[in-house]
PDB file of N, CA and C in Angstrom:
ATOM      1  N   THR A   1     -14.375  -8.624  -8.228  1.00  0.00           N
ATOM      2  CA  THR A   1     -13.872  -9.796  -8.800  1.00  0.00           C
ATOM      3  C   THR A   1     -12.518  -9.542  -9.356  1.00  0.00           C
ATOM      4  N   ALA A   2     -11.588 -10.373  -9.087  1.00  0.00           N
ATOM      5  CA  ALA A   2     -10.172 -10.301  -9.700  1.00  0.00           C
ATOM      6  C   ALA A   2     -10.017 -11.397 -10.688  1.00  0.00           C
ATOM      7  N   ARG A   3      -9.653 -11.141 -11.845  1.00  0.00           N
ATOM      8  CA  ARG A   3      -9.399 -12.224 -12.893  1.00  0.00           C
ATOM      9  C   ARG A   3      -7.967 -12.075 -13.329  1.00  0.00           C
ATOM     10  N   VAL A   4      -7.250 -13.123 -13.154  1.00  0.00           N
ATOM     11  CA  VAL A   4      -5.741 -13.163 -13.536  1.00  0.00           C
ATOM     12  C   VAL A   4      -5.780 -13.423 -15.058  1.00  0.00           C
ATOM     13  N   LEU A   5      -5.170 -12.433 -15.773  1.00  0.00           N
ATOM     14  CA  LEU A   5      -5.135 -12.605 -17.284  1.00  0.00           C
ATOM     15  C   LEU A   5      -3.854 -13.109 -17.738  1.00  0.00           C
ATOM     16  N   ALA A   6      -2.790 -13.028 -16.969  1.00  0.00           N
ATOM     17  CA  ALA A   6      -1.445 -13.579 -17.339  1.00  0.00           C
ATOM     18  C   ALA A   6      -0.547 -13.867 -16.175  1.00  0.00           C
ATOM     19  N   THR A   7       0.194 -14.940 -16.241  1.00  0.00           N
ATOM     20  CA  THR A   7       1.085 -15.316 -15.178  1.00  0.00           C
ATOM     21  C   THR A   7       2.476 -15.536 -15.749  1.00  0.00           C
ATOM     22  N   VAL A   8       3.510 -15.506 -14.887  1.00  0.00           N
ATOM     23  CA  VAL A   8       4.873 -15.807 -15.180  1.00  0.00           C
ATOM     24  C   VAL A   8       5.364 -16.654 -13.954  1.00  0.00           C
ATOM     25  N   ARG A   9       5.725 -17.864 -14.277  1.00  0.00           N
ATOM     26  CA  ARG A   9       6.155 -18.848 -13.241  1.00  0.00           C
ATOM     27  C   ARG A   9       5.180 -19.031 -12.064  1.00  0.00           C
ATOM     28  N   GLY A  10       3.816 -18.886 -12.543  1.00  0.00           N
ATOM     29  CA  GLY A  10       2.789 -19.063 -11.533  1.00  0.00           C
ATOM     30  C   GLY A  10       2.350 -17.830 -10.754  1.00  0.00           C
ATOM     31  N   GLN A  11       3.070 -16.740 -11.101  1.00  0.00           N
ATOM     32  CA  GLN A  11       2.732 -15.453 -10.309  1.00  0.00           C
ATOM     33  C   GLN A  11       1.924 -14.575 -11.240  1.00  0.00           C
ATOM     34  N   PRO A  12       0.816 -13.957 -10.691  1.00  0.00           N
ATOM     35  CA  PRO A  12       0.030 -12.993 -11.528  1.00  0.00           C
ATOM     36  C   PRO A  12       0.932 -11.864 -12.108  1.00  0.00           C
ATOM     37  N   GLN A  13       0.712 -11.617 -13.394  1.00  0.00           N
ATOM     38  CA  GLN A  13       1.463 -10.448 -14.035  1.00  0.00           C
ATOM     39  C   GLN A  13       0.360  -9.438 -14.524  1.00  0.00           C
ATOM     40  N   ARG A  14      -0.761  -9.914 -14.912  1.00  0.00           N
ATOM     41  CA  ARG A  14      -1.888  -9.055 -15.255  1.00  0.00           C
ATOM     42  C   ARG A  14      -3.073  -9.526 -14.644  1.00  0.00           C
ATOM     43  N   VAL A  15      -3.821  -8.539 -14.109  1.00  0.00           N
ATOM     44  CA  VAL A  15      -5.075  -8.848 -13.332  1.00  0.00           C
ATOM     45  C   VAL A  15      -6.105  -7.771 -13.683  1.00  0.00           C
ATOM     46  N   ARG A  16      -7.334  -8.219 -13.937  1.00  0.00           N
ATOM     47  CA  ARG A  16      -8.391  -7.323 -14.202  1.00  0.00           C
ATOM     48  C   ARG A  16      -9.350  -7.368 -13.015  1.00  0.00           C
ATOM     49  N   PHE A  17      -9.605  -6.253 -12.473  1.00  0.00           N
ATOM     50  CA  PHE A  17     -10.513  -6.137 -11.423  1.00  0.00           C
ATOM     51  C   PHE A  17     -11.899  -5.536 -11.777  1.00  0.00           C
ATOM     52  N   THR A  18     -12.889  -6.158 -11.413  1.00  0.00           N
ATOM     53  CA  THR A  18     -14.273  -5.717 -11.722  1.00  0.00           C
ATOM     54  C   THR A  18     -15.052  -5.606 -10.431  1.00  0.00           C
ATOM     55  N   VAL A  19     -15.740  -4.330 -10.335  1.00  0.00           N
ATOM     56  CA  VAL A  19     -16.568  -4.093  -9.239  1.00  0.00           C
ATOM     57  C   VAL A  19     -17.952  -3.782  -9.627  1.00  0.00           C
ATOM     58  N   PRO A  20     -18.970  -4.108  -8.908  1.00  0.00           N
ATOM     59  CA  PRO A  20     -20.369  -3.883  -9.272  1.00  0.00           C
ATOM     60  C   PRO A  20     -20.798  -2.440  -9.402  1.00  0.00           C
ATOM     61  N   ALA A  21     -20.226  -1.519  -8.639  1.00  0.00           N
ATOM     62  CA  ALA A  21     -20.627  -0.128  -8.782  1.00  0.00           C
ATOM     63  C   ALA A  21     -19.424   0.650  -9.329  1.00  0.00           C
ATOM     64  N   SER A  22     -19.571   1.956  -9.444  1.00  0.00           N
ATOM     65  CA  SER A  22     -18.536   2.765 -10.062  1.00  0.00           C
ATOM     66  C   SER A  22     -17.281   2.655  -9.135  1.00  0.00           C
ATOM     67  N   ARG A  23     -16.123   2.681  -9.763  1.00  0.00           N
ATOM     68  CA  ARG A  23     -14.894   2.530  -9.069  1.00  0.00           C
ATOM     69  C   ARG A  23     -14.678   3.716  -8.174  1.00  0.00           C
ATOM     70  N   ASP A  24     -15.405   4.825  -8.421  1.00  0.00           N
ATOM     71  CA  ASP A  24     -15.303   6.080  -7.608  1.00  0.00           C
ATOM     72  C   ASP A  24     -16.219   6.065  -6.381  1.00  0.00           C
ATOM     73  N   ASP A  25     -16.935   4.931  -6.266  1.00  0.00           N
ATOM     74  CA  ASP A  25     -17.981   4.810  -5.149  1.00  0.00           C
ATOM     75  C   ASP A  25     -17.259   4.839  -3.892  1.00  0.00           C
ATOM     76  N   ALA A  26     -17.719   5.499  -2.776  1.00  0.00           N
ATOM     77  CA  ALA A  26     -17.064   5.655  -1.524  1.00  0.00           C
ATOM     78  C   ALA A  26     -16.887   4.285  -0.776  1.00  0.00           C
ATOM     79  N   ARG A  27     -17.679   3.253  -1.261  1.00  0.00           N
ATOM     80  CA  ARG A  27     -17.471   2.020  -0.604  1.00  0.00           C
ATOM     81  C   ARG A  27     -16.094   1.260  -0.894  1.00  0.00           C
ATOM     82  N   TYR A  28     -15.464   1.811  -1.932  1.00  0.00           N
ATOM     83  CA  TYR A  28     -14.240   1.178  -2.373  1.00  0.00           C
ATOM     84  C   TYR A  28     -12.939   1.949  -1.945  1.00  0.00           C
ATOM     85  N   LEU A  29     -11.956   1.243  -1.355  1.00  0.00           N
ATOM     86  CA  LEU A  29     -10.683   1.798  -1.166  1.00  0.00           C
ATOM     87  C   LEU A  29      -9.634   0.944  -1.638  1.00  0.00           C
ATOM     88  N   PHE A  30      -8.963   1.413  -2.633  1.00  0.00           N
ATOM     89  CA  PHE A  30      -7.946   0.664  -3.368  1.00  0.00           C
ATOM     90  C   PHE A  30      -6.517   0.847  -2.631  1.00  0.00           C
ATOM     91  N   LEU A  31      -5.918  -0.114  -2.161  1.00  0.00           N
ATOM     92  CA  LEU A  31      -4.593   0.065  -1.453  1.00  0.00           C
ATOM     93  C   LEU A  31      -3.506  -0.800  -2.173  1.00  0.00           C
ATOM     94  N   TYR A  32      -2.291  -0.324  -2.053  1.00  0.00           N
ATOM     95  CA  TYR A  32      -1.170  -1.051  -2.651  1.00  0.00           C
ATOM     96  C   TYR A  32      -0.030  -1.155  -1.534  1.00  0.00           C
ATOM     97  N   PRO A  33       0.553  -2.311  -1.369  1.00  0.00           N
ATOM     98  CA  PRO A  33       1.631  -2.439  -0.328  1.00  0.00           C
ATOM     99  C   PRO A  33       2.918  -1.944  -0.865  1.00  0.00           C
ATOM    100  N   THR A  34       3.570  -1.055  -0.083  1.00  0.00           N
ATOM    101  CA  THR A  34       4.924  -0.537  -0.304  1.00  0.00           C
ATOM    102  C   THR A  34       5.773  -0.715   0.940  1.00  0.00           C
ATOM    103  N   GLU A  35       7.053  -0.501   0.819  1.00  0.00           N
ATOM    104  CA  GLU A  35       7.836  -0.690   1.902  1.00  0.00           C
ATOM    105  C   GLU A  35       7.564   0.299   3.104  1.00  0.00           C
ATOM    106  N   ARG A  36       6.852   1.294   2.762  1.00  0.00           N
ATOM    107  CA  ARG A  36       6.499   2.287   3.847  1.00  0.00           C
ATOM    108  C   ARG A  36       4.982   2.101   4.380  1.00  0.00           C
ATOM    109  N   GLY A  37       4.434   0.921   4.064  1.00  0.00           N
ATOM    110  CA  GLY A  37       3.088   0.567   4.456  1.00  0.00           C
ATOM    111  C   GLY A  37       2.138   0.683   3.195  1.00  0.00           C
ATOM    112  N   LEU A  38       0.866   0.501   3.520  1.00  0.00           N
ATOM    113  CA  LEU A  38      -0.164   0.526   2.469  1.00  0.00           C
ATOM    114  C   LEU A  38      -0.380   2.030   2.059  1.00  0.00           C
ATOM    115  N   ARG A  39      -0.537   2.132   0.631  1.00  0.00           N
ATOM    116  CA  ARG A  39      -0.760   3.427   0.221  1.00  0.00           C
ATOM    117  C   ARG A  39      -2.022   3.402  -0.616  1.00  0.00           C
ATOM    118  N   ARG A  40      -2.758   4.519  -0.711  1.00  0.00           N
ATOM    119  CA  ARG A  40      -4.004   4.566  -1.544  1.00  0.00           C
ATOM    120  C   ARG A  40      -3.563   4.521  -2.983  1.00  0.00           C
ATOM    121  N   LEU A  41      -4.376   3.775  -3.710  1.00  0.00           N
ATOM    122  CA  LEU A  41      -4.049   3.539  -5.120  1.00  0.00           C
ATOM    123  C   LEU A  41      -5.283   4.173  -5.917  1.00  0.00           C
ATOM    124  N   THR A  42      -5.090   5.108  -6.789  1.00  0.00           N
ATOM    125  CA  THR A  42      -6.157   5.592  -7.580  1.00  0.00           C
ATOM    126  C   THR A  42      -6.133   4.797  -8.903  1.00  0.00           C
ATOM    127  N   PRO A  43      -7.255   4.049  -9.125  1.00  0.00           N
ATOM    128  CA  PRO A  43      -7.306   3.232 -10.303  1.00  0.00           C
ATOM    129  C   PRO A  43      -7.290   4.076 -11.603  1.00  0.00           C
ATOM    130  N   PRO A  44      -6.714   3.525 -12.681  1.00  0.00           N
ATOM    131  CA  PRO A  44      -6.785   4.260 -13.918  1.00  0.00           C
ATOM    132  C   PRO A  44      -8.175   4.319 -14.507  1.00  0.00           C
ATOM    133  N   PRO A  45      -8.358   5.233 -15.442  1.00  0.00           N
ATOM    134  CA  PRO A  45      -9.605   5.290 -16.127  1.00  0.00           C
ATOM    135  C   PRO A  45     -10.076   3.891 -16.728  1.00  0.00           C
ATOM    136  N   VAL A  46     -11.417   3.789 -16.678  1.00  0.00           N
ATOM    137  CA  VAL A  46     -12.001   2.593 -17.120  1.00  0.00           C
ATOM    138  C   VAL A  46     -11.530   2.321 -18.627  1.00  0.00           C
ATOM    139  N   GLY A  47     -11.181   1.022 -18.938  1.00  0.00           N
ATOM    140  CA  GLY A  47     -10.761   0.635 -20.266  1.00  0.00           C
ATOM    141  C   GLY A  47      -9.275   0.833 -20.523  1.00  0.00           C
ATOM    142  N   THR A  48      -8.511   1.434 -19.497  1.00  0.00           N
ATOM    143  CA  THR A  48      -7.112   1.561 -19.569  1.00  0.00           C
ATOM    144  C   THR A  48      -6.356   0.671 -18.556  1.00  0.00           C
ATOM    145  N   PHE A  49      -5.136   0.635 -18.514  1.00  0.00           N
ATOM    146  CA  PHE A  49      -4.354  -0.084 -17.472  1.00  0.00           C
ATOM    147  C   PHE A  49      -3.342   0.792 -16.748  1.00  0.00           C
ATOM    148  N   GLN A  50      -2.940   0.184 -15.668  1.00  0.00           N
ATOM    149  CA  GLN A  50      -1.878   0.872 -14.818  1.00  0.00           C
ATOM    150  C   GLN A  50      -0.792  -0.197 -14.546  1.00  0.00           C
ATOM    151  N   ARG A  51       0.386   0.100 -14.860  1.00  0.00           N
ATOM    152  CA  ARG A  51       1.505  -0.781 -14.530  1.00  0.00           C
ATOM    153  C   ARG A  51       2.103  -0.374 -13.092  1.00  0.00           C
ATOM    154  N   LEU A  52       2.064  -1.368 -12.209  1.00  0.00           N
ATOM    155  CA  LEU A  52       2.619  -1.113 -10.901  1.00  0.00           C
ATOM    156  C   LEU A  52       3.905  -1.861 -10.670  1.00  0.00           C
ATOM    157  N   PRO A  53       4.786  -1.230  -9.793  1.00  0.00           N
ATOM    158  CA  PRO A  53       6.027  -2.037  -9.511  1.00  0.00           C
ATOM    159  C   PRO A  53       5.647  -3.248  -8.552  1.00  0.00           C
ATOM    160  N   ARG A  54       6.651  -4.058  -8.571  1.00  0.00           N
ATOM    161  CA  ARG A  54       6.340  -5.287  -7.686  1.00  0.00           C
ATOM    162  C   ARG A  54       5.996  -4.857  -6.255  1.00  0.00           C
ATOM    163  N   ALA A  55       5.043  -5.526  -5.673  1.00  0.00           N
ATOM    164  CA  ALA A  55       4.564  -5.164  -4.339  1.00  0.00           C
ATOM    165  C   ALA A  55       5.636  -5.457  -3.376  1.00  0.00           C
ATOM    166  N   ILE A  56       5.972  -4.495  -2.538  1.00  0.00           N
ATOM    167  CA  ILE A  56       6.898  -4.735  -1.351  1.00  0.00           C
ATOM    168  C   ILE A  56       6.142  -4.594  -0.102  1.00  0.00           C
ATOM    169  N   TYR A  57       6.132  -5.697   0.645  1.00  0.00           N
ATOM    170  CA  TYR A  57       5.508  -5.655   1.827  1.00  0.00           C
ATOM    171  C   TYR A  57       6.250  -5.128   3.001  1.00  0.00           C
ATOM    172  N   PRO A  58       5.676  -4.211   3.747  1.00  0.00           N
ATOM    173  CA  PRO A  58       6.373  -3.648   4.880  1.00  0.00           C
ATOM    174  C   PRO A  58       6.874  -4.627   5.883  1.00  0.00           C
ATOM    175  N   ASN A  59       8.054  -4.339   6.445  1.00  0.00           N
ATOM    176  CA  ASN A  59       8.573  -5.174   7.488  1.00  0.00           C
ATOM    177  C   ASN A  59       9.052  -4.333   8.597  1.00  0.00           C
ATOM    178  N   GLU A  60       9.359  -4.910   9.651  1.00  0.00           N
ATOM    179  CA  GLU A  60       9.713  -4.124  10.846  1.00  0.00           C
ATOM    180  C   GLU A  60      10.910  -3.169  10.625  1.00  0.00           C
ATOM    181  N   TYR A  61      11.908  -3.637   9.894  1.00  0.00           N
ATOM    182  CA  TYR A  61      13.099  -2.762   9.529  1.00  0.00           C
ATOM    183  C   TYR A  61      12.688  -1.541   8.743  1.00  0.00           C
ATOM    184  N   SER A  62      11.949  -1.775   7.653  1.00  0.00           N
ATOM    185  CA  SER A  62      11.559  -0.569   6.858  1.00  0.00           C
ATOM    186  C   SER A  62      10.669   0.330   7.569  1.00  0.00           C
ATOM    187  N   LEU A  63       9.795  -0.215   8.460  1.00  0.00           N
ATOM    188  CA  LEU A  63       8.830   0.722   9.186  1.00  0.00           C
ATOM    189  C   LEU A  63       9.616   1.513  10.281  1.00  0.00           C
ATOM    190  N   GLU A  64      10.683   0.904  10.776  1.00  0.00           N
ATOM    191  CA  GLU A  64      11.525   1.663  11.749  1.00  0.00           C
ATOM    192  C   GLU A  64      12.287   2.631  11.110  1.00  0.00           C
ATOM    193  N   LEU A  65      12.751   2.495   9.839  1.00  0.00           N
ATOM    194  CA  LEU A  65      13.429   3.531   9.074  1.00  0.00           C
ATOM    195  C   LEU A  65      12.486   4.712   8.821  1.00  0.00           C
ATOM    196  N   LEU A  66      11.225   4.383   8.510  1.00  0.00           N
ATOM    197  CA  LEU A  66      10.213   5.404   8.288  1.00  0.00           C
ATOM    198  C   LEU A  66      10.014   6.137   9.496  1.00  0.00           C
ATOM    199  N   ARG A  67       9.792   5.519  10.698  1.00  0.00           N
ATOM    200  CA  ARG A  67       9.679   6.235  11.939  1.00  0.00           C
ATOM    201  C   ARG A  67      10.793   7.152  12.230  1.00  0.00           C
ATOM    202  N   GLN A  68      11.999   6.635  11.981  1.00  0.00           N
ATOM    203  CA  GLN A  68      13.184   7.550  12.171  1.00  0.00           C
ATOM    204  C   GLN A  68      13.295   8.810  11.303  1.00  0.00           C
ATOM    205  N   ASP A  69      12.755   8.568  10.071  1.00  0.00           N
ATOM    206  CA  ASP A  69      12.726   9.675   9.068  1.00  0.00           C
ATOM    207  C   ASP A  69      11.780  10.712   9.514  1.00  0.00           C
ATOM    208  N   ARG A  70      10.577  10.279  10.015  1.00  0.00           N
ATOM    209  CA  ARG A  70       9.558  11.166  10.484  1.00  0.00           C
ATOM    210  C   ARG A  70      10.069  11.831  11.754  1.00  0.00           C
ATOM    211  N   LEU A  71      10.730  11.152  12.623  1.00  0.00           N
ATOM    212  CA  LEU A  71      11.302  11.714  13.856  1.00  0.00           C
ATOM    213  C   LEU A  71      12.203  12.796  13.521  1.00  0.00           C
ATOM    214  N   ALA A  72      13.129  12.583  12.486  1.00  0.00           N
ATOM    215  CA  ALA A  72      14.111  13.642  12.135  1.00  0.00           C
ATOM    216  C   ALA A  72      13.338  14.890  11.521  1.00  0.00           C
ATOM    217  N   ALA A  73      12.303  14.585  10.789  1.00  0.00           N
ATOM    218  CA  ALA A  73      11.546  15.752  10.265  1.00  0.00           C
ATOM    219  C   ALA A  73      10.768  16.484  11.221  1.00  0.00           C
ATOM    220  N   ASP A  74      10.453  15.900  12.329  1.00  0.00           N
ATOM    221  CA  ASP A  74       9.685  16.564  13.410  1.00  0.00           C
ATOM    222  C   ASP A  74      10.627  17.149  14.524  1.00  0.00           C
ATOM    223  N   GLY A  75      11.923  17.265  14.257  1.00  0.00           N
ATOM    224  CA  GLY A  75      12.765  17.874  15.130  1.00  0.00           C
ATOM    225  C   GLY A  75      13.358  17.050  16.240  1.00  0.00           C
ATOM    226  N   GLY A  76      13.147  15.675  16.051  1.00  0.00           N
ATOM    227  CA  GLY A  76      13.823  14.667  16.969  1.00  0.00           C
ATOM    228  C   GLY A  76      13.050  14.339  18.162  1.00  0.00           C
ATOM    229  N   ILE A  77      11.757  14.746  18.281  1.00  0.00           N
ATOM    230  CA  ILE A  77      10.955  14.463  19.419  1.00  0.00           C
ATOM    231  C   ILE A  77      10.270  13.218  19.102  1.00  0.00           C
ATOM    232  N   SER A  78      10.449  12.150  19.917  1.00  0.00           N
ATOM    233  CA  SER A  78       9.726  10.914  19.665  1.00  0.00           C
ATOM    234  C   SER A  78       8.584  10.783  20.569  1.00  0.00           C
ATOM    235  N   PRO A  79       7.388  10.414  20.003  1.00  0.00           N
ATOM    236  CA  PRO A  79       6.234  10.200  20.819  1.00  0.00           C
ATOM    237  C   PRO A  79       6.494   8.948  21.661  1.00  0.00           C
ATOM    238  N   VAL A  80       5.909   8.940  22.865  1.00  0.00           N
ATOM    239  CA  VAL A  80       5.980   7.741  23.815  1.00  0.00           C
ATOM    240  C   VAL A  80       5.049   6.697  23.178  1.00  0.00           C
ATOM    241  N   PRO A  81       5.484   5.579  23.015  1.00  0.00           N
ATOM    242  CA  PRO A  81       4.703   4.497  22.444  1.00  0.00           C
ATOM    243  C   PRO A  81       3.543   4.130  23.389  1.00  0.00           C
ATOM    244  N   SER A  82       2.369   3.756  22.934  1.00  0.00           N
ATOM    245  CA  SER A  82       1.319   3.377  23.894  1.00  0.00           C
ATOM    246  C   SER A  82       1.784   2.153  24.571  1.00  0.00           C
ATOM    247  N   GLY A  83       1.443   2.064  25.853  1.00  0.00           N
ATOM    248  CA  GLY A  83       1.796   0.837  26.668  1.00  0.00           C
ATOM    249  C   GLY A  83       3.200   1.033  27.269  1.00  0.00           C
ATOM    250  N   ALA A  84       3.862   2.079  26.939  1.00  0.00           N
ATOM    251  CA  ALA A  84       5.287   2.349  27.545  1.00  0.00           C
ATOM    252  C   ALA A  84       5.136   2.741  28.959  1.00  0.00           C
ATOM    253  N   ARG A  85       6.041   2.301  29.784  1.00  0.00           N
ATOM    254  CA  ARG A  85       5.995   2.717  31.346  1.00  0.00           C
ATOM    255  C   ARG A  85       7.022   3.736  31.536  1.00  0.00           C
ATOM    256  N   SER A  86       6.534   4.727  32.405  1.00  0.00           N
ATOM    257  CA  SER A  86       7.541   5.682  32.859  1.00  0.00           C
ATOM    258  C   SER A  86       8.406   5.244  34.006  1.00  0.00           C
ATOM    259  N   ARG A  87       9.631   5.721  34.052  1.00  0.00           N
ATOM    260  CA  ARG A  87      10.493   5.183  35.074  1.00  0.00           C
ATOM    261  C   ARG A  87      10.635   6.191  36.171  1.00  0.00           C
TER     262      ARG A  87
END
């Protein structure tokens, strides 16, 4: 359950999440959107809080930059995209 504790101009600023089992239960996977895609989020200890930067949702441009960074790190060899045709 998510409970909004505070808003600014109608946008959530503080949210409390409550889950029925331990937050460490394998059934839960906490993710946070970044410009490089979704990243695993480790929740803070019970009774404390964690301040997160504004969520940045990935877009085609930022994901292409990430692909190029990985390509450069791998020595410039690009994998063939699935569904690509050979000429």
